[in-house]
Amino acid sequence: MIGRTLVLVAGFGGAVGFSQFPEFSQQYTQRLGGTVDELQRVVAEFDADAAKLNLTRDEAIDQLSQGGAFGAARADSMNANFQRLSELSADLNALQGAGPFTRASLLPHLTDPVLMERTWDSYKPAVPVTFEGGTFAALGFGIGAFALAILNGFFRRIGRLFGRPKPA
C-alpha cells in the first residue's frame, strides 16, 4: 500500500516537473533571442568602428590587443563576444519556430548556463492547460511512477535476499 502511494506521488511529481518544460523552454528561447540581438549590436558597433578606420575585424582586434593591458583585455572580451554570438546564434536558429515537442528534442541548444540561470530566476511555475503541457505532464507522470516502481521492486528483492529467514 505504501509502495503504491509512493509510486503515485512520484508520478505526480514527475507530471508537475515535466509539465513545466514547454513554458520554461519558450521563456529560455525568448531570452536567447534578446541576448543574440544585443550581441549583434555590440559586434556591429565594433565592426563599424573598424570599418571607419579601413580595418577588418581581425586587424582591429590585433591593434586593440597591442594597446597595453587594458587593450589586450578588451580584445579578449571582444573575441569572447564573437564566439558567444556564434554559438548562441546557432542555438537560436535551431530553436526558432520549434514547438515544445521539437524543443524537447533540441535540449543541447538549451544549455547556456547564464541564460539558464536567468530564466530559472524569473520563472514562475504554473499549471499548464495546453495540449503540450498536458502531454509533458502525462510523460512525466509515467516516468516518475515507472522509476519509483523499479526502485521499489529493487529494494523489495534486496529485502527478500537479506531479510528474515523463512520458517521451515
N, C-alpha and C. Protein backbone atom coordinates (compact mmCIF):
# COMPACT_ATOMS: atom_id res chain seq x y z
N MET A 1 0.81 -1.19 0.00
CA MET A 1 0.00 0.00 0.00
C MET A 1 0.86 1.26 0.00
N ILE A 2 1.85 1.30 0.88
CA ILE A 2 2.74 2.46 0.94
C ILE A 2 3.52 2.58 -0.36
N GLY A 3 3.96 1.44 -0.89
CA GLY A 3 4.71 1.45 -2.14
C GLY A 3 3.91 2.04 -3.28
N ARG A 4 2.64 1.65 -3.37
CA ARG A 4 1.79 2.18 -4.44
C ARG A 4 1.55 3.69 -4.26
N THR A 5 1.40 4.10 -3.03
CA THR A 5 1.21 5.52 -2.75
C THR A 5 2.45 6.30 -3.15
N LEU A 6 3.62 5.77 -2.83
CA LEU A 6 4.86 6.45 -3.20
C LEU A 6 5.02 6.52 -4.73
N VAL A 7 4.63 5.45 -5.41
CA VAL A 7 4.69 5.45 -6.88
C VAL A 7 3.75 6.52 -7.43
N LEU A 8 2.59 6.64 -6.85
CA LEU A 8 1.63 7.65 -7.28
C LEU A 8 2.19 9.06 -7.03
N VAL A 9 2.79 9.27 -5.87
CA VAL A 9 3.38 10.56 -5.55
C VAL A 9 4.52 10.88 -6.52
N ALA A 10 5.36 9.89 -6.80
CA ALA A 10 6.45 10.10 -7.76
C ALA A 10 5.89 10.42 -9.15
N GLY A 11 4.82 9.76 -9.51
CA GLY A 11 4.19 10.04 -10.80
C GLY A 11 3.68 11.47 -10.87
N PHE A 12 3.01 11.92 -9.82
CA PHE A 12 2.52 13.30 -9.81
C PHE A 12 3.67 14.29 -9.78
N GLY A 13 4.73 13.96 -9.05
CA GLY A 13 5.91 14.83 -9.04
C GLY A 13 6.52 14.96 -10.43
N GLY A 14 6.63 13.84 -11.12
CA GLY A 14 7.13 13.86 -12.50
C GLY A 14 6.21 14.64 -13.41
N ALA A 15 4.90 14.49 -13.20
CA ALA A 15 3.92 15.22 -14.03
C ALA A 15 4.07 16.71 -13.86
N VAL A 16 4.18 17.16 -12.62
CA VAL A 16 4.32 18.59 -12.36
C VAL A 16 5.62 19.11 -12.96
N GLY A 17 6.71 18.37 -12.75
CA GLY A 17 8.01 18.81 -13.27
C GLY A 17 8.05 18.87 -14.79
N PHE A 18 7.65 17.79 -15.43
CA PHE A 18 7.71 17.74 -16.90
C PHE A 18 6.75 18.72 -17.54
N SER A 19 5.62 18.98 -16.89
CA SER A 19 4.63 19.88 -17.50
C SER A 19 5.14 21.31 -17.59
N GLN A 20 6.19 21.63 -16.86
CA GLN A 20 6.74 22.99 -16.89
C GLN A 20 7.66 23.21 -18.09
N PHE A 21 8.10 22.15 -18.73
CA PHE A 21 9.08 22.29 -19.82
C PHE A 21 8.62 23.19 -20.96
N PRO A 22 7.39 23.05 -21.47
CA PRO A 22 7.02 23.90 -22.62
C PRO A 22 7.18 25.40 -22.34
N GLU A 23 6.69 25.86 -21.20
CA GLU A 23 6.77 27.29 -20.90
C GLU A 23 8.20 27.71 -20.56
N PHE A 24 8.91 26.89 -19.80
CA PHE A 24 10.29 27.23 -19.45
C PHE A 24 11.14 27.33 -20.72
N SER A 25 11.01 26.36 -21.62
CA SER A 25 11.83 26.39 -22.83
C SER A 25 11.45 27.55 -23.73
N GLN A 26 10.18 27.95 -23.72
CA GLN A 26 9.75 29.10 -24.51
C GLN A 26 10.37 30.38 -23.92
N GLN A 27 10.37 30.51 -22.59
CA GLN A 27 10.97 31.69 -21.97
C GLN A 27 12.49 31.72 -22.18
N TYR A 28 13.11 30.56 -22.13
CA TYR A 28 14.55 30.48 -22.40
C TYR A 28 14.85 30.95 -23.82
N THR A 29 14.02 30.50 -24.78
CA THR A 29 14.21 30.89 -26.18
C THR A 29 14.03 32.40 -26.36
N GLN A 30 13.08 32.99 -25.64
CA GLN A 30 12.91 34.45 -25.71
C GLN A 30 14.15 35.16 -25.19
N ARG A 31 14.68 34.71 -24.07
CA ARG A 31 15.90 35.33 -23.52
C ARG A 31 17.08 35.13 -24.48
N LEU A 32 17.15 33.97 -25.08
CA LEU A 32 18.20 33.69 -26.04
C LEU A 32 18.13 34.68 -27.20
N GLY A 33 16.93 34.92 -27.71
CA GLY A 33 16.76 35.89 -28.80
C GLY A 33 17.20 37.28 -28.40
N GLY A 34 16.86 37.71 -27.19
CA GLY A 34 17.28 39.02 -26.71
C GLY A 34 18.79 39.12 -26.56
N THR A 35 19.40 38.06 -26.08
CA THR A 35 20.86 38.05 -25.92
C THR A 35 21.55 38.11 -27.27
N VAL A 36 21.06 37.36 -28.24
CA VAL A 36 21.65 37.38 -29.58
C VAL A 36 21.49 38.77 -30.19
N ASP A 37 20.33 39.39 -30.03
CA ASP A 37 20.13 40.75 -30.55
C ASP A 37 21.14 41.72 -29.97
N GLU A 38 21.36 41.67 -28.67
CA GLU A 38 22.29 42.59 -28.02
C GLU A 38 23.73 42.31 -28.45
N LEU A 39 24.11 41.05 -28.54
CA LEU A 39 25.46 40.73 -29.00
C LEU A 39 25.67 41.18 -30.45
N GLN A 40 24.64 41.05 -31.28
CA GLN A 40 24.75 41.51 -32.66
C GLN A 40 24.98 43.02 -32.71
N ARG A 41 24.32 43.76 -31.80
CA ARG A 41 24.50 45.20 -31.74
C ARG A 41 25.94 45.54 -31.35
N VAL A 42 26.48 44.87 -30.35
CA VAL A 42 27.85 45.13 -29.89
C VAL A 42 28.84 44.81 -31.01
N VAL A 43 28.66 43.69 -31.67
CA VAL A 43 29.57 43.29 -32.74
C VAL A 43 29.45 44.25 -33.93
N ALA A 44 28.24 44.66 -34.25
CA ALA A 44 28.05 45.60 -35.36
C ALA A 44 28.74 46.94 -35.07
N GLU A 45 28.66 47.42 -33.84
CA GLU A 45 29.35 48.66 -33.48
C GLU A 45 30.86 48.50 -33.61
N PHE A 46 31.38 47.38 -33.17
CA PHE A 46 32.82 47.13 -33.28
C PHE A 46 33.23 47.09 -34.75
N ASP A 47 32.46 46.35 -35.55
CA ASP A 47 32.79 46.25 -36.98
C ASP A 47 32.69 47.62 -37.67
N ALA A 48 31.71 48.44 -37.27
CA ALA A 48 31.56 49.78 -37.86
C ALA A 48 32.76 50.67 -37.49
N ASP A 49 33.20 50.58 -36.24
CA ASP A 49 34.38 51.35 -35.82
C ASP A 49 35.62 50.91 -36.61
N ALA A 50 35.75 49.61 -36.80
CA ALA A 50 36.89 49.09 -37.57
C ALA A 50 36.81 49.57 -39.02
N ALA A 51 35.61 49.54 -39.59
CA ALA A 51 35.44 49.94 -40.98
C ALA A 51 35.75 51.42 -41.19
N LYS A 52 35.43 52.26 -40.21
CA LYS A 52 35.75 53.69 -40.29
C LYS A 52 37.25 53.92 -40.43
N LEU A 53 38.01 52.99 -39.91
CA LEU A 53 39.47 53.10 -39.97
C LEU A 53 40.06 52.19 -41.05
N ASN A 54 39.18 51.69 -41.94
CA ASN A 54 39.58 50.78 -43.02
C ASN A 54 40.31 49.53 -42.49
N LEU A 55 39.80 49.00 -41.40
CA LEU A 55 40.37 47.79 -40.82
C LEU A 55 39.35 46.66 -40.89
N THR A 56 39.85 45.45 -41.05
CA THR A 56 38.98 44.28 -40.91
C THR A 56 38.79 44.04 -39.41
N ARG A 57 37.89 43.16 -39.08
CA ARG A 57 37.69 42.82 -37.67
C ARG A 57 38.97 42.28 -37.05
N ASP A 58 39.64 41.37 -37.76
CA ASP A 58 40.88 40.77 -37.24
C ASP A 58 41.98 41.82 -37.06
N GLU A 59 42.08 42.75 -38.00
CA GLU A 59 43.08 43.82 -37.88
C GLU A 59 42.76 44.72 -36.68
N ALA A 60 41.50 45.02 -36.48
CA ALA A 60 41.10 45.86 -35.36
C ALA A 60 41.38 45.16 -34.03
N ILE A 61 41.10 43.87 -33.96
CA ILE A 61 41.40 43.10 -32.73
C ILE A 61 42.90 43.08 -32.49
N ASP A 62 43.67 42.91 -33.56
CA ASP A 62 45.13 42.87 -33.42
C ASP A 62 45.65 44.21 -32.88
N GLN A 63 45.16 45.32 -33.45
CA GLN A 63 45.58 46.63 -32.95
C GLN A 63 45.15 46.85 -31.51
N LEU A 64 43.95 46.45 -31.20
CA LEU A 64 43.43 46.61 -29.85
C LEU A 64 44.27 45.81 -28.85
N SER A 65 44.64 44.60 -29.23
CA SER A 65 45.40 43.74 -28.32
C SER A 65 46.81 44.28 -28.05
N GLN A 66 47.29 45.14 -28.92
CA GLN A 66 48.63 45.73 -28.73
C GLN A 66 48.58 47.06 -27.98
N GLY A 67 47.41 47.42 -27.50
CA GLY A 67 47.23 48.71 -26.83
C GLY A 67 47.37 48.65 -25.33
N GLY A 68 48.29 47.89 -24.83
CA GLY A 68 48.50 47.81 -23.39
C GLY A 68 47.63 46.75 -22.76
N ALA A 69 47.69 46.69 -21.42
CA ALA A 69 46.96 45.65 -20.68
C ALA A 69 45.45 45.77 -20.87
N PHE A 70 44.94 47.00 -20.81
CA PHE A 70 43.51 47.19 -20.99
C PHE A 70 43.08 46.82 -22.40
N GLY A 71 43.84 47.24 -23.39
CA GLY A 71 43.52 46.92 -24.78
C GLY A 71 43.53 45.42 -25.01
N ALA A 72 44.50 44.73 -24.44
CA ALA A 72 44.57 43.28 -24.59
C ALA A 72 43.36 42.60 -23.94
N ALA A 73 43.00 43.10 -22.75
CA ALA A 73 41.83 42.54 -22.07
C ALA A 73 40.56 42.80 -22.88
N ARG A 74 40.47 44.00 -23.46
CA ARG A 74 39.28 44.33 -24.27
C ARG A 74 39.24 43.50 -25.55
N ALA A 75 40.39 43.24 -26.14
CA ALA A 75 40.44 42.38 -27.33
C ALA A 75 39.97 40.97 -26.98
N ASP A 76 40.40 40.48 -25.83
CA ASP A 76 39.95 39.14 -25.39
C ASP A 76 38.44 39.11 -25.17
N SER A 77 37.91 40.16 -24.54
CA SER A 77 36.46 40.18 -24.29
C SER A 77 35.67 40.30 -25.60
N MET A 78 36.21 41.03 -26.58
CA MET A 78 35.52 41.11 -27.88
C MET A 78 35.57 39.77 -28.59
N ASN A 79 36.70 39.08 -28.52
CA ASN A 79 36.77 37.74 -29.10
C ASN A 79 35.77 36.80 -28.43
N ALA A 80 35.62 36.94 -27.12
CA ALA A 80 34.63 36.12 -26.40
C ALA A 80 33.22 36.47 -26.88
N ASN A 81 32.97 37.76 -27.13
CA ASN A 81 31.65 38.16 -27.65
C ASN A 81 31.40 37.57 -29.04
N PHE A 82 32.42 37.58 -29.89
CA PHE A 82 32.27 37.00 -31.23
C PHE A 82 31.93 35.51 -31.13
N GLN A 83 32.64 34.81 -30.25
CA GLN A 83 32.43 33.37 -30.07
C GLN A 83 31.04 33.10 -29.49
N ARG A 84 30.67 33.85 -28.47
CA ARG A 84 29.36 33.67 -27.83
C ARG A 84 28.23 33.96 -28.82
N LEU A 85 28.40 35.01 -29.62
CA LEU A 85 27.38 35.32 -30.62
C LEU A 85 27.24 34.17 -31.61
N SER A 86 28.35 33.61 -32.04
CA SER A 86 28.30 32.50 -32.98
C SER A 86 27.56 31.29 -32.39
N GLU A 87 27.90 30.95 -31.16
CA GLU A 87 27.29 29.78 -30.51
C GLU A 87 25.80 30.00 -30.24
N LEU A 88 25.47 31.17 -29.68
CA LEU A 88 24.08 31.43 -29.34
C LEU A 88 23.21 31.62 -30.58
N SER A 89 23.80 32.18 -31.65
CA SER A 89 23.04 32.32 -32.91
C SER A 89 22.68 30.95 -33.46
N ALA A 90 23.62 30.01 -33.36
CA ALA A 90 23.35 28.64 -33.83
C ALA A 90 22.23 28.02 -33.00
N ASP A 91 22.27 28.23 -31.67
CA ASP A 91 21.20 27.70 -30.81
C ASP A 91 19.86 28.33 -31.17
N LEU A 92 19.85 29.64 -31.35
CA LEU A 92 18.61 30.34 -31.68
C LEU A 92 18.06 29.87 -33.02
N ASN A 93 18.92 29.70 -34.02
CA ASN A 93 18.46 29.21 -35.33
C ASN A 93 17.82 27.84 -35.21
N ALA A 94 18.37 27.00 -34.34
CA ALA A 94 17.80 25.66 -34.16
C ALA A 94 16.45 25.72 -33.45
N LEU A 95 16.31 26.65 -32.51
CA LEU A 95 15.10 26.69 -31.67
C LEU A 95 13.98 27.55 -32.24
N GLN A 96 14.32 28.53 -33.08
CA GLN A 96 13.29 29.43 -33.61
C GLN A 96 12.23 28.66 -34.37
N GLY A 97 11.01 28.94 -34.03
CA GLY A 97 9.90 28.30 -34.72
C GLY A 97 9.62 26.88 -34.26
N ALA A 98 10.46 26.35 -33.37
CA ALA A 98 10.24 24.98 -32.90
C ALA A 98 9.16 24.99 -31.82
N GLY A 99 8.27 24.04 -31.91
CA GLY A 99 7.26 23.88 -30.88
C GLY A 99 7.85 23.16 -29.67
N PRO A 100 7.07 23.01 -28.61
CA PRO A 100 7.61 22.41 -27.39
C PRO A 100 8.10 20.98 -27.57
N PHE A 101 7.44 20.22 -28.44
CA PHE A 101 7.88 18.84 -28.64
C PHE A 101 9.23 18.81 -29.36
N THR A 102 9.38 19.69 -30.33
CA THR A 102 10.65 19.76 -31.05
C THR A 102 11.73 20.31 -30.14
N ARG A 103 11.40 21.32 -29.32
CA ARG A 103 12.39 21.86 -28.38
C ARG A 103 12.89 20.77 -27.44
N ALA A 104 12.04 19.83 -27.07
CA ALA A 104 12.47 18.74 -26.19
C ALA A 104 13.56 17.91 -26.87
N SER A 105 13.47 17.78 -28.18
CA SER A 105 14.50 17.02 -28.90
C SER A 105 15.75 17.86 -29.15
N LEU A 106 15.66 19.16 -28.88
CA LEU A 106 16.79 20.07 -29.10
C LEU A 106 17.41 20.52 -27.78
N LEU A 107 17.34 19.70 -26.75
CA LEU A 107 17.86 20.07 -25.43
C LEU A 107 19.30 20.58 -25.44
N PRO A 108 20.20 20.07 -26.29
CA PRO A 108 21.56 20.62 -26.27
C PRO A 108 21.63 22.11 -26.63
N HIS A 109 20.57 22.64 -27.22
CA HIS A 109 20.53 24.07 -27.56
C HIS A 109 19.92 24.90 -26.43
N LEU A 110 19.61 24.26 -25.32
CA LEU A 110 19.03 24.93 -24.17
C LEU A 110 19.98 24.82 -22.97
N THR A 111 21.26 24.99 -23.20
CA THR A 111 22.23 24.69 -22.14
C THR A 111 23.17 25.83 -21.78
N ASP A 112 22.92 27.04 -22.25
CA ASP A 112 23.81 28.13 -21.87
C ASP A 112 23.61 28.40 -20.38
N PRO A 113 24.67 28.29 -19.58
CA PRO A 113 24.49 28.40 -18.13
C PRO A 113 23.98 29.77 -17.67
N VAL A 114 24.43 30.84 -18.29
CA VAL A 114 23.98 32.18 -17.89
C VAL A 114 22.50 32.35 -18.21
N LEU A 115 22.10 32.00 -19.42
CA LEU A 115 20.69 32.12 -19.80
C LEU A 115 19.82 31.18 -18.97
N MET A 116 20.30 29.98 -18.71
CA MET A 116 19.54 29.02 -17.92
C MET A 116 19.29 29.58 -16.52
N GLU A 117 20.32 30.13 -15.91
CA GLU A 117 20.17 30.68 -14.55
C GLU A 117 19.22 31.87 -14.54
N ARG A 118 19.36 32.76 -15.51
CA ARG A 118 18.49 33.94 -15.54
C ARG A 118 17.04 33.57 -15.84
N THR A 119 16.85 32.59 -16.70
CA THR A 119 15.49 32.14 -16.98
C THR A 119 14.90 31.51 -15.74
N TRP A 120 15.66 30.67 -15.08
CA TRP A 120 15.17 29.99 -13.87
C TRP A 120 14.86 31.00 -12.77
N ASP A 121 15.70 32.04 -12.62
CA ASP A 121 15.49 33.04 -11.58
C ASP A 121 14.15 33.76 -11.74
N SER A 122 13.74 33.98 -12.97
CA SER A 122 12.49 34.74 -13.19
C SER A 122 11.30 33.84 -13.52
N TYR A 123 11.52 32.54 -13.60
CA TYR A 123 10.45 31.62 -13.99
C TYR A 123 9.50 31.38 -12.82
N LYS A 124 8.22 31.41 -13.12
CA LYS A 124 7.19 31.11 -12.13
C LYS A 124 6.42 29.88 -12.60
N PRO A 125 6.55 28.76 -11.89
CA PRO A 125 5.80 27.56 -12.30
C PRO A 125 4.30 27.82 -12.31
N ALA A 126 3.64 27.18 -13.22
CA ALA A 126 2.19 27.35 -13.34
C ALA A 126 1.57 26.03 -13.79
N VAL A 127 0.29 25.92 -13.59
CA VAL A 127 -0.42 24.73 -14.04
C VAL A 127 -0.69 24.89 -15.53
N PRO A 128 -0.13 24.02 -16.36
CA PRO A 128 -0.32 24.16 -17.80
C PRO A 128 -1.71 23.66 -18.21
N VAL A 129 -2.33 24.40 -19.09
CA VAL A 129 -3.64 23.99 -19.58
C VAL A 129 -3.60 23.81 -21.10
N THR A 130 -2.42 23.71 -21.64
CA THR A 130 -2.29 23.49 -23.08
C THR A 130 -2.14 22.00 -23.37
N PHE A 131 -2.33 21.65 -24.60
CA PHE A 131 -2.14 20.26 -25.02
C PHE A 131 -0.70 19.82 -24.73
N GLU A 132 0.25 20.71 -25.05
CA GLU A 132 1.66 20.38 -24.84
C GLU A 132 1.96 20.16 -23.36
N GLY A 133 1.44 21.06 -22.52
CA GLY A 133 1.66 20.92 -21.08
C GLY A 133 1.06 19.62 -20.55
N GLY A 134 -0.13 19.28 -21.01
CA GLY A 134 -0.76 18.02 -20.60
C GLY A 134 0.02 16.81 -21.06
N THR A 135 0.53 16.88 -22.27
CA THR A 135 1.32 15.75 -22.80
C THR A 135 2.60 15.57 -22.00
N PHE A 136 3.30 16.68 -21.73
CA PHE A 136 4.52 16.58 -20.92
C PHE A 136 4.18 16.12 -19.51
N ALA A 137 3.04 16.53 -18.96
CA ALA A 137 2.63 16.08 -17.62
C ALA A 137 2.41 14.57 -17.63
N ALA A 138 1.72 14.08 -18.65
CA ALA A 138 1.49 12.63 -18.73
C ALA A 138 2.81 11.87 -18.86
N LEU A 139 3.71 12.38 -19.67
CA LEU A 139 5.02 11.76 -19.83
C LEU A 139 5.78 11.76 -18.50
N GLY A 140 5.75 12.90 -17.81
CA GLY A 140 6.42 12.99 -16.52
C GLY A 140 5.81 12.06 -15.49
N PHE A 141 4.49 11.94 -15.50
CA PHE A 141 3.83 11.01 -14.57
C PHE A 141 4.31 9.58 -14.83
N GLY A 142 4.32 9.20 -16.09
CA GLY A 142 4.76 7.85 -16.44
C GLY A 142 6.21 7.59 -16.05
N ILE A 143 7.07 8.53 -16.33
CA ILE A 143 8.50 8.36 -16.00
C ILE A 143 8.70 8.32 -14.49
N GLY A 144 8.06 9.25 -13.76
CA GLY A 144 8.20 9.27 -12.30
C GLY A 144 7.67 8.00 -11.65
N ALA A 145 6.49 7.58 -12.06
CA ALA A 145 5.90 6.38 -11.48
C ALA A 145 6.72 5.14 -11.84
N PHE A 146 7.14 5.05 -13.08
CA PHE A 146 7.94 3.91 -13.52
C PHE A 146 9.27 3.84 -12.78
N ALA A 147 9.94 4.97 -12.63
CA ALA A 147 11.23 5.00 -11.94
C ALA A 147 11.09 4.55 -10.49
N LEU A 148 10.07 5.04 -9.80
CA LEU A 148 9.90 4.64 -8.41
C LEU A 148 9.43 3.20 -8.30
N ALA A 149 8.63 2.74 -9.24
CA ALA A 149 8.20 1.34 -9.22
C ALA A 149 9.41 0.41 -9.38
N ILE A 150 10.32 0.78 -10.25
CA ILE A 150 11.53 -0.03 -10.42
C ILE A 150 12.38 -0.01 -9.16
N LEU A 151 12.53 1.16 -8.57
CA LEU A 151 13.29 1.29 -7.32
C LEU A 151 12.63 0.48 -6.21
N ASN A 152 11.33 0.57 -6.12
CA ASN A 152 10.58 -0.17 -5.12
C ASN A 152 10.79 -1.67 -5.30
N GLY A 153 10.69 -2.14 -6.55
CA GLY A 153 10.91 -3.57 -6.83
C GLY A 153 12.32 -4.01 -6.47
N PHE A 154 13.28 -3.15 -6.76
CA PHE A 154 14.68 -3.46 -6.46
C PHE A 154 14.87 -3.63 -4.95
N PHE A 155 14.34 -2.69 -4.17
CA PHE A 155 14.51 -2.77 -2.73
C PHE A 155 13.73 -3.94 -2.13
N ARG A 156 12.61 -4.31 -2.70
CA ARG A 156 11.88 -5.49 -2.22
C ARG A 156 12.70 -6.76 -2.42
N ARG A 157 13.34 -6.85 -3.59
CA ARG A 157 14.19 -8.03 -3.84
C ARG A 157 15.37 -8.08 -2.88
N ILE A 158 15.98 -6.92 -2.66
CA ILE A 158 17.09 -6.85 -1.71
C ILE A 158 16.61 -7.26 -0.33
N GLY A 159 15.43 -6.78 0.04
CA GLY A 159 14.85 -7.13 1.34
C GLY A 159 14.60 -8.62 1.47
N ARG A 160 14.15 -9.25 0.40
CA ARG A 160 13.90 -10.70 0.42
C ARG A 160 15.21 -11.47 0.55
N LEU A 161 16.24 -10.98 -0.13
CA LEU A 161 17.53 -11.68 -0.08
C LEU A 161 18.16 -11.59 1.30
N PHE A 162 18.07 -10.42 1.91
CA PHE A 162 18.75 -10.21 3.18
C PHE A 162 17.78 -10.11 4.36
N GLY A 163 16.53 -10.37 4.12
CA GLY A 163 15.51 -10.23 5.17
C GLY A 163 15.50 -11.42 6.11
N ARG A 164 14.39 -11.56 6.77
CA ARG A 164 14.24 -12.63 7.76
C ARG A 164 14.26 -13.98 7.07
N PRO A 165 14.83 -14.97 7.74
CA PRO A 165 14.79 -16.31 7.16
C PRO A 165 13.34 -16.82 7.21
N LYS A 166 12.97 -17.57 6.19
CA LYS A 166 11.62 -18.11 6.13
C LYS A 166 11.52 -19.32 7.06
N PRO A 167 10.38 -19.45 7.74
CA PRO A 167 10.23 -20.60 8.65
C PRO A 167 10.22 -21.91 7.85
N ALA A 168 10.78 -22.89 8.47
CA ALA A 168 10.90 -24.20 7.82
C ALA A 168 9.66 -25.01 7.91
